[in-house]
Amino acid sequence: MKIAVHAVGRMKAGPEKQLADRYFERFAKSGPAVGLEFSGVVEIPEGRAQTANERRREEGQKLQAQLQPGTALMLLDERGKSFSSEDFAGRIGLLRDGGRRALVIAIGGADGHDQSLRDQADLMVSFGAWTWPHQLVRVMLGEQLYRAATILSGHPYHRS
C-alpha cells in the first residue's frame, strides 16, 4: 500500500525539518518489507481566503483533487481518536490487508479540515488534546509511521 502525507503549509529548513525527514526516510526504508511504500510529502500553500470556512474549503479542494478512487483518507484532526502506537500500526495494517492500494494522511492548515473531508475520512486521528505546531506534527507523524512499520515487522524498535 502506498502511503502519502498531504500537508497544508511549507516546512522551512531547520532542525524540525531534518528530524521529520529522518523519520520519513526511515519509514521509506523499512516500510516495503511489510507492504508499505512511502510516496512522500505533498505540500500545498495555506489558503488565502478571507474566512476560516473559505480557507478550509479551498485547502480541502486541493486535497480532493489529489485523491484517487479507492484511496483511504486519514485526517490528523483534534476531533479524532487517540490511538496507542500498536493500534495505529494495526489500523494501517488493516487498511493494507483489506486491499487498499493507497492511503493519504492529511495534516490540515491552521483552521483545520473542511467538514466535507471529515465526512469522507476513513479515520480521524488525534495526537491528543493539546494543540501541536505543524512542524512537530510532521516529526511525530514520521516517527509513528516508522514505528508502525517496525511494529508490523516485529522489529524491536518499539518496546511495549
N, C-alpha and C. Protein backbone atom coordinates (compact mmCIF):
# COMPACT_ATOMS: atom_id res chain seq x y z
N MET A 1 0.85 -1.17 0.00
CA MET A 1 0.00 0.00 0.00
C MET A 1 0.90 1.23 0.00
N LYS A 2 0.59 2.16 -0.88
CA LYS A 2 1.33 3.41 -0.94
C LYS A 2 0.77 4.38 0.09
N ILE A 3 1.66 5.02 0.82
CA ILE A 3 1.26 5.99 1.83
C ILE A 3 1.89 7.34 1.50
N ALA A 4 1.04 8.36 1.40
CA ALA A 4 1.50 9.72 1.14
C ALA A 4 1.00 10.61 2.27
N VAL A 5 1.77 11.65 2.54
CA VAL A 5 1.38 12.66 3.52
C VAL A 5 1.04 13.92 2.75
N HIS A 6 -0.13 14.46 3.01
CA HIS A 6 -0.59 15.71 2.40
C HIS A 6 -0.57 16.76 3.50
N ALA A 7 0.20 17.82 3.30
CA ALA A 7 0.35 18.82 4.36
C ALA A 7 0.04 20.21 3.83
N VAL A 8 -0.78 20.92 4.58
CA VAL A 8 -1.05 22.32 4.27
C VAL A 8 0.08 23.13 4.91
N GLY A 9 0.75 23.91 4.10
CA GLY A 9 1.86 24.72 4.58
C GLY A 9 3.20 24.11 4.21
N ARG A 10 4.17 24.94 4.15
CA ARG A 10 5.52 24.51 3.80
C ARG A 10 6.38 24.48 5.06
N MET A 11 7.23 23.48 5.12
CA MET A 11 8.13 23.37 6.26
C MET A 11 9.48 23.96 5.86
N LYS A 12 9.91 24.94 6.61
CA LYS A 12 11.17 25.61 6.32
C LYS A 12 12.34 24.76 6.82
N ALA A 13 13.50 25.02 6.22
CA ALA A 13 14.72 24.33 6.63
C ALA A 13 14.98 24.59 8.11
N GLY A 14 15.48 23.60 8.78
CA GLY A 14 15.79 23.74 10.20
C GLY A 14 15.80 22.38 10.86
N PRO A 15 16.04 22.35 12.17
CA PRO A 15 16.14 21.06 12.86
C PRO A 15 14.86 20.24 12.83
N GLU A 16 13.70 20.89 12.85
CA GLU A 16 12.44 20.13 12.80
C GLU A 16 12.30 19.43 11.46
N LYS A 17 12.62 20.11 10.38
CA LYS A 17 12.54 19.50 9.05
C LYS A 17 13.53 18.34 8.92
N GLN A 18 14.73 18.54 9.45
CA GLN A 18 15.73 17.47 9.39
C GLN A 18 15.25 16.23 10.14
N LEU A 19 14.65 16.45 11.31
CA LEU A 19 14.16 15.32 12.09
C LEU A 19 12.98 14.64 11.40
N ALA A 20 12.05 15.42 10.89
CA ALA A 20 10.91 14.83 10.16
C ALA A 20 11.42 14.04 8.96
N ASP A 21 12.33 14.62 8.20
CA ASP A 21 12.88 13.93 7.03
C ASP A 21 13.58 12.63 7.43
N ARG A 22 14.27 12.67 8.57
CA ARG A 22 14.97 11.46 9.03
C ARG A 22 13.98 10.33 9.29
N TYR A 23 12.85 10.64 9.97
CA TYR A 23 11.88 9.59 10.26
C TYR A 23 11.15 9.14 8.99
N PHE A 24 10.82 10.06 8.10
CA PHE A 24 10.18 9.64 6.85
C PHE A 24 11.13 8.76 6.03
N GLU A 25 12.43 9.08 6.06
CA GLU A 25 13.40 8.25 5.35
C GLU A 25 13.49 6.86 5.98
N ARG A 26 13.49 6.80 7.30
CA ARG A 26 13.50 5.50 7.98
C ARG A 26 12.26 4.69 7.60
N PHE A 27 11.11 5.37 7.56
CA PHE A 27 9.88 4.68 7.17
C PHE A 27 9.98 4.19 5.72
N ALA A 28 10.50 5.04 4.83
CA ALA A 28 10.64 4.66 3.42
C ALA A 28 11.51 3.41 3.26
N LYS A 29 12.51 3.26 4.13
CA LYS A 29 13.41 2.11 4.04
C LYS A 29 12.82 0.86 4.69
N SER A 30 12.07 1.03 5.78
CA SER A 30 11.55 -0.13 6.50
C SER A 30 10.16 -0.57 6.04
N GLY A 31 9.39 0.33 5.45
CA GLY A 31 8.02 0.02 5.06
C GLY A 31 7.84 -1.07 4.02
N PRO A 32 8.67 -1.09 2.95
CA PRO A 32 8.44 -2.11 1.91
C PRO A 32 8.45 -3.55 2.41
N ALA A 33 9.20 -3.83 3.46
CA ALA A 33 9.25 -5.19 3.99
C ALA A 33 7.90 -5.66 4.52
N VAL A 34 7.03 -4.69 4.88
CA VAL A 34 5.71 -5.04 5.39
C VAL A 34 4.60 -4.53 4.46
N GLY A 35 4.95 -4.28 3.21
CA GLY A 35 3.95 -3.89 2.22
C GLY A 35 3.52 -2.44 2.27
N LEU A 36 4.36 -1.55 2.82
CA LEU A 36 4.05 -0.13 2.90
C LEU A 36 5.11 0.66 2.13
N GLU A 37 4.66 1.38 1.15
CA GLU A 37 5.58 2.17 0.32
C GLU A 37 5.32 3.66 0.56
N PHE A 38 6.34 4.38 0.96
CA PHE A 38 6.18 5.81 1.22
C PHE A 38 6.28 6.58 -0.09
N SER A 39 5.22 7.33 -0.39
CA SER A 39 5.16 8.11 -1.62
C SER A 39 5.64 9.54 -1.43
N GLY A 40 5.92 9.94 -0.20
CA GLY A 40 6.44 11.27 0.05
C GLY A 40 5.43 12.21 0.66
N VAL A 41 5.88 13.44 0.84
CA VAL A 41 5.06 14.51 1.41
C VAL A 41 4.71 15.49 0.31
N VAL A 42 3.43 15.77 0.17
CA VAL A 42 2.95 16.78 -0.77
C VAL A 42 2.56 18.00 0.05
N GLU A 43 3.18 19.11 -0.23
CA GLU A 43 2.87 20.35 0.48
C GLU A 43 2.04 21.25 -0.43
N ILE A 44 1.01 21.84 0.15
CA ILE A 44 0.25 22.84 -0.59
C ILE A 44 0.26 24.13 0.23
N PRO A 45 0.20 25.27 -0.44
CA PRO A 45 0.19 26.52 0.33
C PRO A 45 -1.10 26.68 1.12
N GLU A 46 -0.98 27.42 2.22
CA GLU A 46 -2.16 27.72 3.02
C GLU A 46 -3.14 28.54 2.19
N GLY A 47 -4.44 28.36 2.47
CA GLY A 47 -5.47 29.12 1.77
C GLY A 47 -5.33 30.62 2.05
N ARG A 48 -5.75 31.42 1.12
CA ARG A 48 -5.64 32.87 1.25
C ARG A 48 -7.00 33.56 1.37
N ALA A 49 -8.05 32.77 1.51
CA ALA A 49 -9.40 33.34 1.58
C ALA A 49 -9.57 34.16 2.85
N GLN A 50 -10.62 34.95 2.88
CA GLN A 50 -10.88 35.86 4.00
C GLN A 50 -11.32 35.16 5.27
N THR A 51 -12.13 34.13 5.15
CA THR A 51 -12.67 33.47 6.34
C THR A 51 -12.09 32.07 6.52
N ALA A 52 -12.17 31.59 7.75
CA ALA A 52 -11.67 30.25 8.05
C ALA A 52 -12.41 29.19 7.24
N ASN A 53 -13.74 29.31 7.11
CA ASN A 53 -14.51 28.34 6.33
C ASN A 53 -14.06 28.30 4.88
N GLU A 54 -13.82 29.47 4.31
CA GLU A 54 -13.38 29.53 2.91
C GLU A 54 -11.97 28.94 2.77
N ARG A 55 -11.09 29.20 3.73
CA ARG A 55 -9.73 28.65 3.67
C ARG A 55 -9.77 27.12 3.78
N ARG A 56 -10.59 26.61 4.71
CA ARG A 56 -10.73 25.15 4.84
C ARG A 56 -11.25 24.53 3.54
N ARG A 57 -12.26 25.18 2.96
CA ARG A 57 -12.84 24.67 1.72
C ARG A 57 -11.79 24.67 0.59
N GLU A 58 -11.06 25.77 0.48
CA GLU A 58 -10.02 25.89 -0.56
C GLU A 58 -8.94 24.82 -0.38
N GLU A 59 -8.47 24.65 0.84
CA GLU A 59 -7.44 23.64 1.11
C GLU A 59 -7.99 22.23 0.89
N GLY A 60 -9.23 22.00 1.28
CA GLY A 60 -9.85 20.70 1.08
C GLY A 60 -10.01 20.34 -0.38
N GLN A 61 -10.32 21.32 -1.21
CA GLN A 61 -10.46 21.07 -2.65
C GLN A 61 -9.14 20.65 -3.26
N LYS A 62 -8.05 21.23 -2.77
CA LYS A 62 -6.73 20.84 -3.29
C LYS A 62 -6.41 19.40 -2.92
N LEU A 63 -6.80 18.98 -1.72
CA LEU A 63 -6.60 17.59 -1.34
C LEU A 63 -7.50 16.67 -2.14
N GLN A 64 -8.77 17.05 -2.30
CA GLN A 64 -9.72 16.24 -3.08
C GLN A 64 -9.19 15.98 -4.49
N ALA A 65 -8.57 16.99 -5.09
CA ALA A 65 -8.07 16.86 -6.46
C ALA A 65 -6.96 15.80 -6.56
N GLN A 66 -6.31 15.51 -5.45
CA GLN A 66 -5.21 14.54 -5.47
C GLN A 66 -5.64 13.13 -5.09
N LEU A 67 -6.86 12.98 -4.57
CA LEU A 67 -7.31 11.65 -4.13
C LEU A 67 -7.80 10.83 -5.31
N GLN A 68 -7.22 9.67 -5.47
CA GLN A 68 -7.65 8.73 -6.50
C GLN A 68 -8.78 7.87 -5.92
N PRO A 69 -9.67 7.37 -6.78
CA PRO A 69 -10.74 6.49 -6.27
C PRO A 69 -10.15 5.30 -5.51
N GLY A 70 -10.76 4.99 -4.39
CA GLY A 70 -10.31 3.86 -3.58
C GLY A 70 -9.21 4.17 -2.59
N THR A 71 -8.70 5.40 -2.61
CA THR A 71 -7.66 5.78 -1.66
C THR A 71 -8.28 5.99 -0.29
N ALA A 72 -7.67 5.40 0.72
CA ALA A 72 -8.11 5.63 2.09
C ALA A 72 -7.62 7.00 2.54
N LEU A 73 -8.44 7.68 3.31
CA LEU A 73 -8.09 9.01 3.79
C LEU A 73 -8.07 9.00 5.32
N MET A 74 -6.92 9.40 5.87
CA MET A 74 -6.77 9.54 7.32
C MET A 74 -6.46 11.02 7.58
N LEU A 75 -7.28 11.64 8.42
CA LEU A 75 -7.06 13.04 8.78
C LEU A 75 -6.45 13.11 10.17
N LEU A 76 -5.45 13.97 10.32
CA LEU A 76 -4.98 14.32 11.64
C LEU A 76 -5.85 15.49 12.07
N ASP A 77 -6.63 15.29 13.11
CA ASP A 77 -7.65 16.25 13.48
C ASP A 77 -7.87 16.21 14.99
N GLU A 78 -8.04 17.37 15.59
CA GLU A 78 -8.23 17.42 17.05
C GLU A 78 -9.48 16.68 17.50
N ARG A 79 -10.44 16.47 16.60
CA ARG A 79 -11.67 15.74 16.94
C ARG A 79 -11.50 14.24 16.74
N GLY A 80 -10.33 13.85 16.28
CA GLY A 80 -10.08 12.44 16.01
C GLY A 80 -9.85 11.63 17.27
N LYS A 81 -9.58 10.38 17.08
CA LYS A 81 -9.36 9.46 18.18
C LYS A 81 -7.87 9.31 18.42
N SER A 82 -7.48 9.26 19.69
CA SER A 82 -6.09 8.98 20.04
C SER A 82 -5.90 7.46 20.08
N PHE A 83 -4.85 7.02 19.44
CA PHE A 83 -4.54 5.59 19.39
C PHE A 83 -3.21 5.33 20.05
N SER A 84 -3.05 4.15 20.60
CA SER A 84 -1.71 3.72 21.00
C SER A 84 -0.92 3.46 19.72
N SER A 85 0.38 3.38 19.84
CA SER A 85 1.20 3.09 18.66
C SER A 85 0.83 1.74 18.05
N GLU A 86 0.55 0.76 18.91
CA GLU A 86 0.17 -0.57 18.40
C GLU A 86 -1.15 -0.50 17.64
N ASP A 87 -2.12 0.25 18.17
CA ASP A 87 -3.40 0.37 17.49
C ASP A 87 -3.27 1.14 16.17
N PHE A 88 -2.44 2.17 16.16
CA PHE A 88 -2.19 2.93 14.93
C PHE A 88 -1.60 2.00 13.87
N ALA A 89 -0.59 1.23 14.26
CA ALA A 89 0.02 0.27 13.32
C ALA A 89 -1.02 -0.74 12.85
N GLY A 90 -1.85 -1.20 13.78
CA GLY A 90 -2.89 -2.17 13.42
C GLY A 90 -3.89 -1.61 12.43
N ARG A 91 -4.27 -0.36 12.58
CA ARG A 91 -5.21 0.27 11.64
C ARG A 91 -4.60 0.37 10.25
N ILE A 92 -3.33 0.73 10.19
CA ILE A 92 -2.65 0.78 8.89
C ILE A 92 -2.58 -0.62 8.29
N GLY A 93 -2.26 -1.60 9.13
CA GLY A 93 -2.22 -2.99 8.66
C GLY A 93 -3.56 -3.47 8.16
N LEU A 94 -4.64 -3.08 8.83
CA LEU A 94 -5.98 -3.48 8.38
C LEU A 94 -6.32 -2.87 7.02
N LEU A 95 -5.97 -1.60 6.82
CA LEU A 95 -6.20 -0.98 5.51
C LEU A 95 -5.42 -1.71 4.43
N ARG A 96 -4.15 -1.99 4.70
CA ARG A 96 -3.30 -2.72 3.75
C ARG A 96 -3.88 -4.10 3.47
N ASP A 97 -4.21 -4.84 4.52
CA ASP A 97 -4.71 -6.20 4.37
C ASP A 97 -6.11 -6.25 3.78
N GLY A 98 -6.85 -5.15 3.90
CA GLY A 98 -8.19 -5.06 3.34
C GLY A 98 -8.19 -4.72 1.85
N GLY A 99 -7.01 -4.61 1.28
CA GLY A 99 -6.92 -4.39 -0.16
C GLY A 99 -6.78 -2.94 -0.59
N ARG A 100 -6.65 -2.04 0.35
CA ARG A 100 -6.46 -0.63 -0.03
C ARG A 100 -5.10 -0.50 -0.68
N ARG A 101 -5.07 0.15 -1.82
CA ARG A 101 -3.81 0.32 -2.55
C ARG A 101 -3.08 1.58 -2.14
N ALA A 102 -3.80 2.54 -1.54
CA ALA A 102 -3.18 3.81 -1.18
C ALA A 102 -3.85 4.39 0.05
N LEU A 103 -3.06 5.14 0.80
CA LEU A 103 -3.52 5.86 1.98
C LEU A 103 -2.92 7.25 1.93
N VAL A 104 -3.76 8.26 2.09
CA VAL A 104 -3.28 9.63 2.23
C VAL A 104 -3.55 10.05 3.67
N ILE A 105 -2.51 10.53 4.33
CA ILE A 105 -2.63 11.05 5.69
C ILE A 105 -2.51 12.57 5.56
N ALA A 106 -3.55 13.28 5.98
CA ALA A 106 -3.61 14.72 5.75
C ALA A 106 -3.43 15.51 7.04
N ILE A 107 -2.50 16.46 6.97
CA ILE A 107 -2.27 17.43 8.04
C ILE A 107 -2.91 18.72 7.56
N GLY A 108 -3.92 19.19 8.27
CA GLY A 108 -4.63 20.39 7.85
C GLY A 108 -3.88 21.66 8.15
N GLY A 109 -4.43 22.75 7.70
CA GLY A 109 -3.87 24.06 7.97
C GLY A 109 -4.26 24.53 9.35
N ALA A 110 -3.95 25.78 9.62
CA ALA A 110 -4.21 26.36 10.94
C ALA A 110 -5.69 26.33 11.32
N ASP A 111 -6.58 26.31 10.31
CA ASP A 111 -8.02 26.31 10.57
C ASP A 111 -8.62 24.91 10.60
N GLY A 112 -7.80 23.89 10.42
CA GLY A 112 -8.29 22.53 10.44
C GLY A 112 -8.77 22.05 9.08
N HIS A 113 -9.54 20.98 9.08
CA HIS A 113 -10.03 20.35 7.85
C HIS A 113 -11.47 20.77 7.58
N ASP A 114 -11.82 20.82 6.31
CA ASP A 114 -13.18 21.11 5.89
C ASP A 114 -14.09 19.94 6.29
N GLN A 115 -15.34 20.26 6.60
CA GLN A 115 -16.30 19.23 7.01
C GLN A 115 -16.46 18.15 5.94
N SER A 116 -16.39 18.52 4.68
CA SER A 116 -16.54 17.52 3.61
C SER A 116 -15.44 16.46 3.70
N LEU A 117 -14.23 16.86 4.09
CA LEU A 117 -13.15 15.88 4.26
C LEU A 117 -13.39 15.01 5.48
N ARG A 118 -13.84 15.63 6.56
CA ARG A 118 -14.12 14.85 7.77
C ARG A 118 -15.22 13.82 7.51
N ASP A 119 -16.19 14.19 6.68
CA ASP A 119 -17.28 13.27 6.36
C ASP A 119 -16.80 12.06 5.56
N GLN A 120 -15.80 12.25 4.72
CA GLN A 120 -15.35 11.14 3.87
C GLN A 120 -14.14 10.40 4.41
N ALA A 121 -13.56 10.87 5.51
CA ALA A 121 -12.35 10.24 6.05
C ALA A 121 -12.65 8.83 6.54
N ASP A 122 -11.73 7.94 6.26
CA ASP A 122 -11.81 6.58 6.78
C ASP A 122 -11.45 6.55 8.26
N LEU A 123 -10.62 7.50 8.66
CA LEU A 123 -10.15 7.54 10.04
C LEU A 123 -9.70 8.96 10.37
N MET A 124 -10.06 9.42 11.56
CA MET A 124 -9.56 10.70 12.05
C MET A 124 -8.75 10.41 13.30
N VAL A 125 -7.51 10.88 13.29
CA VAL A 125 -6.56 10.59 14.35
C VAL A 125 -6.14 11.88 15.03
N SER A 126 -6.06 11.83 16.35
CA SER A 126 -5.60 12.97 17.13
C SER A 126 -4.32 12.60 17.86
N PHE A 127 -3.40 13.54 17.93
CA PHE A 127 -2.20 13.36 18.75
C PHE A 127 -2.44 13.87 20.16
N GLY A 128 -3.66 13.76 20.62
CA GLY A 128 -4.01 14.15 21.97
C GLY A 128 -4.77 15.47 22.00
N ALA A 129 -5.11 15.89 23.20
CA ALA A 129 -5.93 17.08 23.37
C ALA A 129 -5.15 18.38 23.17
N TRP A 130 -3.86 18.30 23.25
CA TRP A 130 -3.06 19.51 23.09
C TRP A 130 -2.99 19.91 21.62
N THR A 131 -2.76 21.19 21.39
CA THR A 131 -2.52 21.69 20.03
C THR A 131 -1.02 21.69 19.79
N TRP A 132 -0.61 21.11 18.66
CA TRP A 132 0.81 20.99 18.34
C TRP A 132 1.17 21.87 17.15
N PRO A 133 2.38 22.44 17.15
CA PRO A 133 2.84 23.18 15.97
C PRO A 133 2.96 22.23 14.78
N HIS A 134 2.68 22.75 13.61
CA HIS A 134 2.71 21.98 12.38
C HIS A 134 4.03 21.21 12.22
N GLN A 135 5.14 21.86 12.53
CA GLN A 135 6.45 21.22 12.36
C GLN A 135 6.58 19.98 13.25
N LEU A 136 6.09 20.08 14.48
CA LEU A 136 6.19 18.93 15.38
C LEU A 136 5.22 17.82 14.98
N VAL A 137 4.09 18.18 14.43
CA VAL A 137 3.15 17.16 13.95
C VAL A 137 3.82 16.32 12.87
N ARG A 138 4.55 16.98 11.98
CA ARG A 138 5.24 16.21 10.94
C ARG A 138 6.28 15.27 11.53
N VAL A 139 7.03 15.76 12.52
CA VAL A 139 8.02 14.90 13.17
C VAL A 139 7.31 13.71 13.82
N MET A 140 6.25 13.97 14.58
CA MET A 140 5.54 12.90 15.28
C MET A 140 4.92 11.91 14.29
N LEU A 141 4.36 12.41 13.19
CA LEU A 141 3.77 11.51 12.21
C LEU A 141 4.84 10.64 11.56
N GLY A 142 5.96 11.25 11.18
CA GLY A 142 7.05 10.48 10.58
C GLY A 142 7.53 9.38 11.52
N GLU A 143 7.69 9.74 12.80
CA GLU A 143 8.15 8.75 13.77
C GLU A 143 7.12 7.64 13.95
N GLN A 144 5.84 8.00 14.01
CA GLN A 144 4.80 6.98 14.20
C GLN A 144 4.66 6.07 12.98
N LEU A 145 4.88 6.60 11.78
CA LEU A 145 4.85 5.74 10.60
C LEU A 145 6.03 4.76 10.63
N TYR A 146 7.21 5.27 10.99
CA TYR A 146 8.37 4.39 11.13
C TYR A 146 8.10 3.34 12.22
N ARG A 147 7.57 3.78 13.35
CA ARG A 147 7.26 2.86 14.44
C ARG A 147 6.23 1.82 13.99
N ALA A 148 5.21 2.25 13.22
CA ALA A 148 4.20 1.31 12.73
C ALA A 148 4.85 0.22 11.88
N ALA A 149 5.77 0.62 11.01
CA ALA A 149 6.44 -0.38 10.16
C ALA A 149 7.24 -1.35 11.03
N THR A 150 7.89 -0.84 12.08
CA THR A 150 8.67 -1.75 12.93
C THR A 150 7.76 -2.66 13.76
N ILE A 151 6.62 -2.14 14.18
CA ILE A 151 5.66 -2.98 14.91
C ILE A 151 5.14 -4.09 14.00
N LEU A 152 4.76 -3.72 12.79
CA LEU A 152 4.21 -4.72 11.86
C LEU A 152 5.25 -5.77 11.46
N SER A 153 6.53 -5.39 11.49
CA SER A 153 7.58 -6.34 11.11
C SER A 153 8.14 -7.13 12.30
N GLY A 154 7.74 -6.74 13.52
CA GLY A 154 8.26 -7.42 14.70
C GLY A 154 9.64 -6.94 15.11
N HIS A 155 10.09 -5.83 14.57
CA HIS A 155 11.39 -5.24 14.90
C HIS A 155 11.36 -4.74 16.35
N PRO A 156 12.47 -4.80 17.06
CA PRO A 156 12.47 -4.42 18.48
C PRO A 156 12.49 -2.91 18.75
N TYR A 157 12.41 -2.05 17.74
CA TYR A 157 12.41 -0.61 17.97
C TYR A 157 11.33 -0.21 18.97
N HIS A 158 10.15 -0.79 18.80
CA HIS A 158 9.04 -0.49 19.71
C HIS A 158 9.05 -1.50 20.85
N ARG A 159 9.22 -1.00 22.03
CA ARG A 159 9.21 -1.86 23.22
C ARG A 159 7.96 -1.56 24.02
N SER A 160 7.09 -2.54 24.14
CA SER A 160 5.87 -2.30 24.91
C SER A 160 5.82 -3.16 26.15
